Amino acid sequence: MKMALKRREGEAVPRPVKWRRVSMLPRERYFAPGGRESHEQEEIILKVEELEAMRLKDIEGLNQEQCAERMNISRQTFQLIIDEARRKTATALVEGRALRIEGGNYTLNICSYSCANCGNQFNEPFEKERVLCPRCTSAEIRCIGESSFCKKRCGRDKCCR
């Protein structure tokens, strides 16, 4: 049974969240200027994907296209993310604020799926609890790919990457 998504006339449909792939999580997640107690610090929140953008561009020295590909996003989205990351970091340094790294729309792994109902192939983050086909909303999906990452989700020896 196919399930159609209904919306009222004039109602805006929110865009689905685009998960940004990150390769690592930072060991240290809080940085603050010395000389003040932590409860006295004003904080700036740097999202995990913002830190990843700076790491790829400024430390690994990749170009914008390579960075965007690694994060599974468009070049324009990458540029917006890195601009915001650099603005936040510079503000923290210039104004003597603490920097806390947390949150965002990120995933450590992107899985590839195929819908058994309509044949659509698509990618979703592993962390997503319930995966439905974006075309027909079927839950009859299978992992596809070559690594063993998704064993827990589908039980096959070789699954999504």
C-alpha atoms as a PDB file:
ATOM      1  CA  MET A   1       0.000   0.000   0.000  1.00  0.00           C
ATOM      2  CA  LYS A   2       1.497   3.305  -1.063  1.00  0.00           C
ATOM      3  CA  MET A   3       1.225   6.181   1.310  1.00  0.00           C
ATOM      4  CA  ALA A   4       0.816   9.630  -0.213  1.00  0.00           C
ATOM      5  CA  LEU A   5       2.004  12.685   1.649  1.00  0.00           C
ATOM      6  CA  LYS A   6      -0.782  15.248   1.831  1.00  0.00           C
ATOM      7  CA  ARG A   7      -0.406  18.939   2.494  1.00  0.00           C
ATOM      8  CA  ARG A   8      -2.835  21.775   2.693  1.00  0.00           C
ATOM      9  CA  GLU A   9      -2.927  24.369  -0.028  1.00  0.00           C
ATOM     10  CA  GLY A  10      -0.446  27.159   0.628  1.00  0.00           C
ATOM     11  CA  GLU A  11       1.352  25.140   3.322  1.00  0.00           C
ATOM     12  CA  ALA A  12       5.120  25.190   2.990  1.00  0.00           C
ATOM     13  CA  VAL A  13       6.864  21.838   2.815  1.00  0.00           C
ATOM     14  CA  PRO A  14      10.113  21.891   4.777  1.00  0.00           C
ATOM     15  CA  ARG A  15      13.227  20.746   2.991  1.00  0.00           C
ATOM     16  CA  PRO A  16      14.650  17.491   4.290  1.00  0.00           C
ATOM     17  CA  VAL A  17      17.736  17.794   6.465  1.00  0.00           C
ATOM     18  CA  LYS A  18      20.932  17.334   4.469  1.00  0.00           C
ATOM     19  CA  TRP A  19      23.326  15.461   6.719  1.00  0.00           C
ATOM     20  CA  ARG A  20      26.953  16.571   6.471  1.00  0.00           C
ATOM     21  CA  ARG A  21      29.544  13.805   6.582  1.00  0.00           C
ATOM     22  CA  VAL A  22      32.383  14.305   9.042  1.00  0.00           C
ATOM     23  CA  SER A  23      35.454  12.097   9.359  1.00  0.00           C
ATOM     24  CA  MET A  24      36.209  12.641  13.014  1.00  0.00           C
ATOM     25  CA  LEU A  25      34.867  14.084  16.233  1.00  0.00           C
ATOM     26  CA  PRO A  26      37.148  16.365  18.265  1.00  0.00           C
ATOM     27  CA  ARG A  27      38.686  15.051  21.494  1.00  0.00           C
ATOM     28  CA  GLU A  28      38.449  18.484  23.084  1.00  0.00           C
ATOM     29  CA  ARG A  29      35.113  20.249  22.738  1.00  0.00           C
ATOM     30  CA  TYR A  30      35.614  23.359  24.879  1.00  0.00           C
ATOM     31  CA  PHE A  31      38.191  26.129  24.528  1.00  0.00           C
ATOM     32  CA  ALA A  32      38.299  29.232  26.692  1.00  0.00           C
ATOM     33  CA  PRO A  33      40.616  32.157  27.372  1.00  0.00           C
ATOM     34  CA  GLY A  34      42.577  31.855  30.603  1.00  0.00           C
ATOM     35  CA  GLY A  35      42.145  34.015  33.653  1.00  0.00           C
ATOM     36  CA  ARG A  36      38.388  33.696  34.123  1.00  0.00           C
ATOM     37  CA  GLU A  37      36.172  31.077  35.695  1.00  0.00           C
ATOM     38  CA  SER A  38      34.253  28.936  33.195  1.00  0.00           C
ATOM     39  CA  HIS A  39      30.887  30.198  34.496  1.00  0.00           C
ATOM     40  CA  GLU A  40      31.980  33.758  33.641  1.00  0.00           C
ATOM     41  CA  GLN A  41      32.706  32.906  30.008  1.00  0.00           C
ATOM     42  CA  GLU A  42      30.406  33.946  27.193  1.00  0.00           C
ATOM     43  CA  GLU A  43      30.245  31.037  24.753  1.00  0.00           C
ATOM     44  CA  ILE A  44      30.056  30.672  21.010  1.00  0.00           C
ATOM     45  CA  ILE A  45      28.774  27.344  19.712  1.00  0.00           C
ATOM     46  CA  LEU A  46      30.727  25.927  16.765  1.00  0.00           C
ATOM     47  CA  LYS A  47      28.856  23.091  15.039  1.00  0.00           C
ATOM     48  CA  VAL A  48      30.695  19.832  14.385  1.00  0.00           C
ATOM     49  CA  GLU A  49      30.330  20.231  10.609  1.00  0.00           C
ATOM     50  CA  GLU A  50      31.763  23.766  10.840  1.00  0.00           C
ATOM     51  CA  LEU A  51      34.877  22.395  12.529  1.00  0.00           C
ATOM     52  CA  GLU A  52      35.097  19.657   9.870  1.00  0.00           C
ATOM     53  CA  ALA A  53      34.948  22.275   7.099  1.00  0.00           C
ATOM     54  CA  MET A  54      37.863  24.195   8.638  1.00  0.00           C
ATOM     55  CA  ARG A  55      39.817  20.974   9.192  1.00  0.00           C
ATOM     56  CA  LEU A  56      39.443  19.864   5.575  1.00  0.00           C
ATOM     57  CA  LYS A  57      40.188  23.267   4.037  1.00  0.00           C
ATOM     58  CA  ASP A  58      42.712  24.811   6.425  1.00  0.00           C
ATOM     59  CA  ILE A  59      44.549  21.771   7.805  1.00  0.00           C
ATOM     60  CA  GLU A  60      44.292  19.141   5.059  1.00  0.00           C
ATOM     61  CA  GLY A  61      44.606  21.849   2.374  1.00  0.00           C
ATOM     62  CA  LEU A  62      41.863  20.472   0.107  1.00  0.00           C
ATOM     63  CA  ASN A  63      40.156  22.704  -2.431  1.00  0.00           C
ATOM     64  CA  GLN A  64      36.499  23.665  -2.038  1.00  0.00           C
ATOM     65  CA  GLU A  65      35.243  20.981  -4.431  1.00  0.00           C
ATOM     66  CA  GLN A  66      37.186  18.221  -2.653  1.00  0.00           C
ATOM     67  CA  CYS A  67      35.940  19.417   0.746  1.00  0.00           C
ATOM     68  CA  ALA A  68      32.324  19.511  -0.423  1.00  0.00           C
ATOM     69  CA  GLU A  69      32.614  16.021  -1.895  1.00  0.00           C
ATOM     70  CA  ARG A  70      34.090  14.632   1.335  1.00  0.00           C
ATOM     71  CA  MET A  71      31.250  16.184   3.351  1.00  0.00           C
ATOM     72  CA  ASN A  72      28.579  15.021   0.868  1.00  0.00           C
ATOM     73  CA  ILE A  73      27.302  18.567   0.245  1.00  0.00           C
ATOM     74  CA  SER A  74      27.333  21.134  -2.557  1.00  0.00           C
ATOM     75  CA  ARG A  75      30.208  23.596  -3.002  1.00  0.00           C
ATOM     76  CA  GLN A  76      27.886  26.479  -2.153  1.00  0.00           C
ATOM     77  CA  THR A  77      26.779  24.818   1.085  1.00  0.00           C
ATOM     78  CA  PHE A  78      30.421  24.127   1.944  1.00  0.00           C
ATOM     79  CA  GLN A  79      31.268  27.798   1.412  1.00  0.00           C
ATOM     80  CA  LEU A  80      28.406  28.909   3.666  1.00  0.00           C
ATOM     81  CA  ILE A  81      29.494  26.465   6.388  1.00  0.00           C
ATOM     82  CA  ILE A  82      33.174  27.438   6.334  1.00  0.00           C
ATOM     83  CA  ASP A  83      32.384  31.172   6.262  1.00  0.00           C
ATOM     84  CA  GLU A  84      30.220  30.783   9.383  1.00  0.00           C
ATOM     85  CA  ALA A  85      32.884  28.630  11.089  1.00  0.00           C
ATOM     86  CA  ARG A  86      35.602  31.184  10.471  1.00  0.00           C
ATOM     87  CA  ARG A  87      33.350  34.060  11.617  1.00  0.00           C
ATOM     88  CA  LYS A  88      32.560  32.276  14.892  1.00  0.00           C
ATOM     89  CA  THR A  89      36.193  31.335  15.522  1.00  0.00           C
ATOM     90  CA  ALA A  90      37.455  34.856  14.816  1.00  0.00           C
ATOM     91  CA  THR A  91      34.746  36.356  17.047  1.00  0.00           C
ATOM     92  CA  ALA A  92      35.736  34.037  19.914  1.00  0.00           C
ATOM     93  CA  LEU A  93      39.407  35.000  19.577  1.00  0.00           C
ATOM     94  CA  VAL A  94      38.881  38.745  19.165  1.00  0.00           C
ATOM     95  CA  GLU A  95      36.219  39.123  21.861  1.00  0.00           C
ATOM     96  CA  GLY A  96      37.781  36.669  24.327  1.00  0.00           C
ATOM     97  CA  ARG A  97      34.841  34.267  24.345  1.00  0.00           C
ATOM     98  CA  ALA A  98      34.794  30.545  24.994  1.00  0.00           C
ATOM     99  CA  LEU A  99      34.251  28.202  22.059  1.00  0.00           C
ATOM    100  CA  ARG A 100      32.116  25.090  22.531  1.00  0.00           C
ATOM    101  CA  ILE A 101      31.973  22.470  19.764  1.00  0.00           C
ATOM    102  CA  GLU A 102      28.644  20.655  19.622  1.00  0.00           C
ATOM    103  CA  GLY A 103      25.528  19.971  17.601  1.00  0.00           C
ATOM    104  CA  GLY A 104      24.739  20.382  13.949  1.00  0.00           C
ATOM    105  CA  ASN A 105      23.428  18.105  11.202  1.00  0.00           C
ATOM    106  CA  TYR A 106      26.295  15.692  10.810  1.00  0.00           C
ATOM    107  CA  THR A 107      26.883  11.999  10.399  1.00  0.00           C
ATOM    108  CA  LEU A 108      29.977   9.852  10.533  1.00  0.00           C
ATOM    109  CA  ASN A 109      28.616   7.469   7.892  1.00  0.00           C
ATOM    110  CA  ILE A 110      26.361   7.711   4.856  1.00  0.00           C
ATOM    111  CA  CYS A 111      24.611   4.500   3.831  1.00  0.00           C
ATOM    112  CA  SER A 112      23.347   3.635   0.351  1.00  0.00           C
ATOM    113  CA  TYR A 113      19.911   2.020   0.027  1.00  0.00           C
ATOM    114  CA  SER A 114      17.703   0.560  -2.674  1.00  0.00           C
ATOM    115  CA  CYS A 115      13.915   0.478  -2.387  1.00  0.00           C
ATOM    116  CA  ALA A 116      12.436  -2.974  -3.031  1.00  0.00           C
ATOM    117  CA  ASN A 117       9.094  -1.353  -3.890  1.00  0.00           C
ATOM    118  CA  CYS A 118      10.043   1.194  -6.580  1.00  0.00           C
ATOM    119  CA  GLY A 119      13.767   0.525  -7.240  1.00  0.00           C
ATOM    120  CA  ASN A 120      14.855   4.020  -6.148  1.00  0.00           C
ATOM    121  CA  GLN A 121      18.460   4.253  -4.907  1.00  0.00           C
ATOM    122  CA  PHE A 122      19.268   6.887  -2.286  1.00  0.00           C
ATOM    123  CA  ASN A 123      21.634   7.799   0.558  1.00  0.00           C
ATOM    124  CA  GLU A 124      20.775   8.372   4.215  1.00  0.00           C
ATOM    125  CA  PRO A 125      22.877   8.780   7.364  1.00  0.00           C
ATOM    126  CA  PHE A 126      23.372   5.661   9.458  1.00  0.00           C
ATOM    127  CA  GLU A 127      22.156   7.502  12.556  1.00  0.00           C
ATOM    128  CA  LYS A 128      18.674   7.965  11.099  1.00  0.00           C
ATOM    129  CA  GLU A 129      16.373   5.729  13.153  1.00  0.00           C
ATOM    130  CA  ARG A 130      13.769   4.855  10.518  1.00  0.00           C
ATOM    131  CA  VAL A 131      14.681   4.884   6.862  1.00  0.00           C
ATOM    132  CA  LEU A 132      11.904   5.237   4.279  1.00  0.00           C
ATOM    133  CA  CYS A 133      12.204   5.588   0.521  1.00  0.00           C
ATOM    134  CA  PRO A 134      12.017   9.309  -0.327  1.00  0.00           C
ATOM    135  CA  ARG A 135      10.146   8.547  -3.568  1.00  0.00           C
ATOM    136  CA  CYS A 136       7.380   6.161  -2.415  1.00  0.00           C
ATOM    137  CA  THR A 137       7.766   6.197   1.434  1.00  0.00           C
ATOM    138  CA  SER A 138       8.118   2.400   1.509  1.00  0.00           C
ATOM    139  CA  ALA A 139       9.980   0.812   4.417  1.00  0.00           C
ATOM    140  CA  GLU A 140      10.995  -2.106   2.147  1.00  0.00           C
ATOM    141  CA  ILE A 141      14.589  -1.012   1.653  1.00  0.00           C
ATOM    142  CA  ARG A 142      17.889  -2.864   1.341  1.00  0.00           C
ATOM    143  CA  CYS A 143      21.438  -1.798   1.997  1.00  0.00           C
ATOM    144  CA  ILE A 144      23.704  -1.674  -1.032  1.00  0.00           C
ATOM    145  CA  GLY A 145      27.437  -1.085  -1.184  1.00  0.00           C
ATOM    146  CA  GLU A 146      30.703  -2.797  -0.398  1.00  0.00           C
ATOM    147  CA  SER A 147      31.747  -2.247   3.227  1.00  0.00           C
ATOM    148  CA  SER A 148      30.584  -4.077   6.330  1.00  0.00           C
ATOM    149  CA  PHE A 149      29.439  -0.954   8.150  1.00  0.00           C
ATOM    150  CA  CYS A 150      25.687  -1.563   8.205  1.00  0.00           C
ATOM    151  CA  LYS A 151      25.627  -5.183   9.394  1.00  0.00           C
ATOM    152  CA  LYS A 152      23.410  -4.169  12.317  1.00  0.00           C
ATOM    153  CA  ARG A 153      20.753  -2.682  10.056  1.00  0.00           C
ATOM    154  CA  CYS A 154      20.284  -5.391   7.400  1.00  0.00           C
ATOM    155  CA  GLY A 155      22.276  -8.413   8.535  1.00  0.00           C
ATOM    156  CA  ARG A 156      24.116  -8.903   5.236  1.00  0.00           C
ATOM    157  CA  ASP A 157      27.876  -9.524   5.230  1.00  0.00           C
ATOM    158  CA  LYS A 158      28.529  -6.629   2.881  1.00  0.00           C
ATOM    159  CA  CYS A 159      26.434  -3.528   3.140  1.00  0.00           C
ATOM    160  CA  CYS A 160      26.425   0.205   2.839  1.00  0.00           C
ATOM    161  CA  ARG A 161      29.393   2.447   3.028  1.00  0.00           C
END
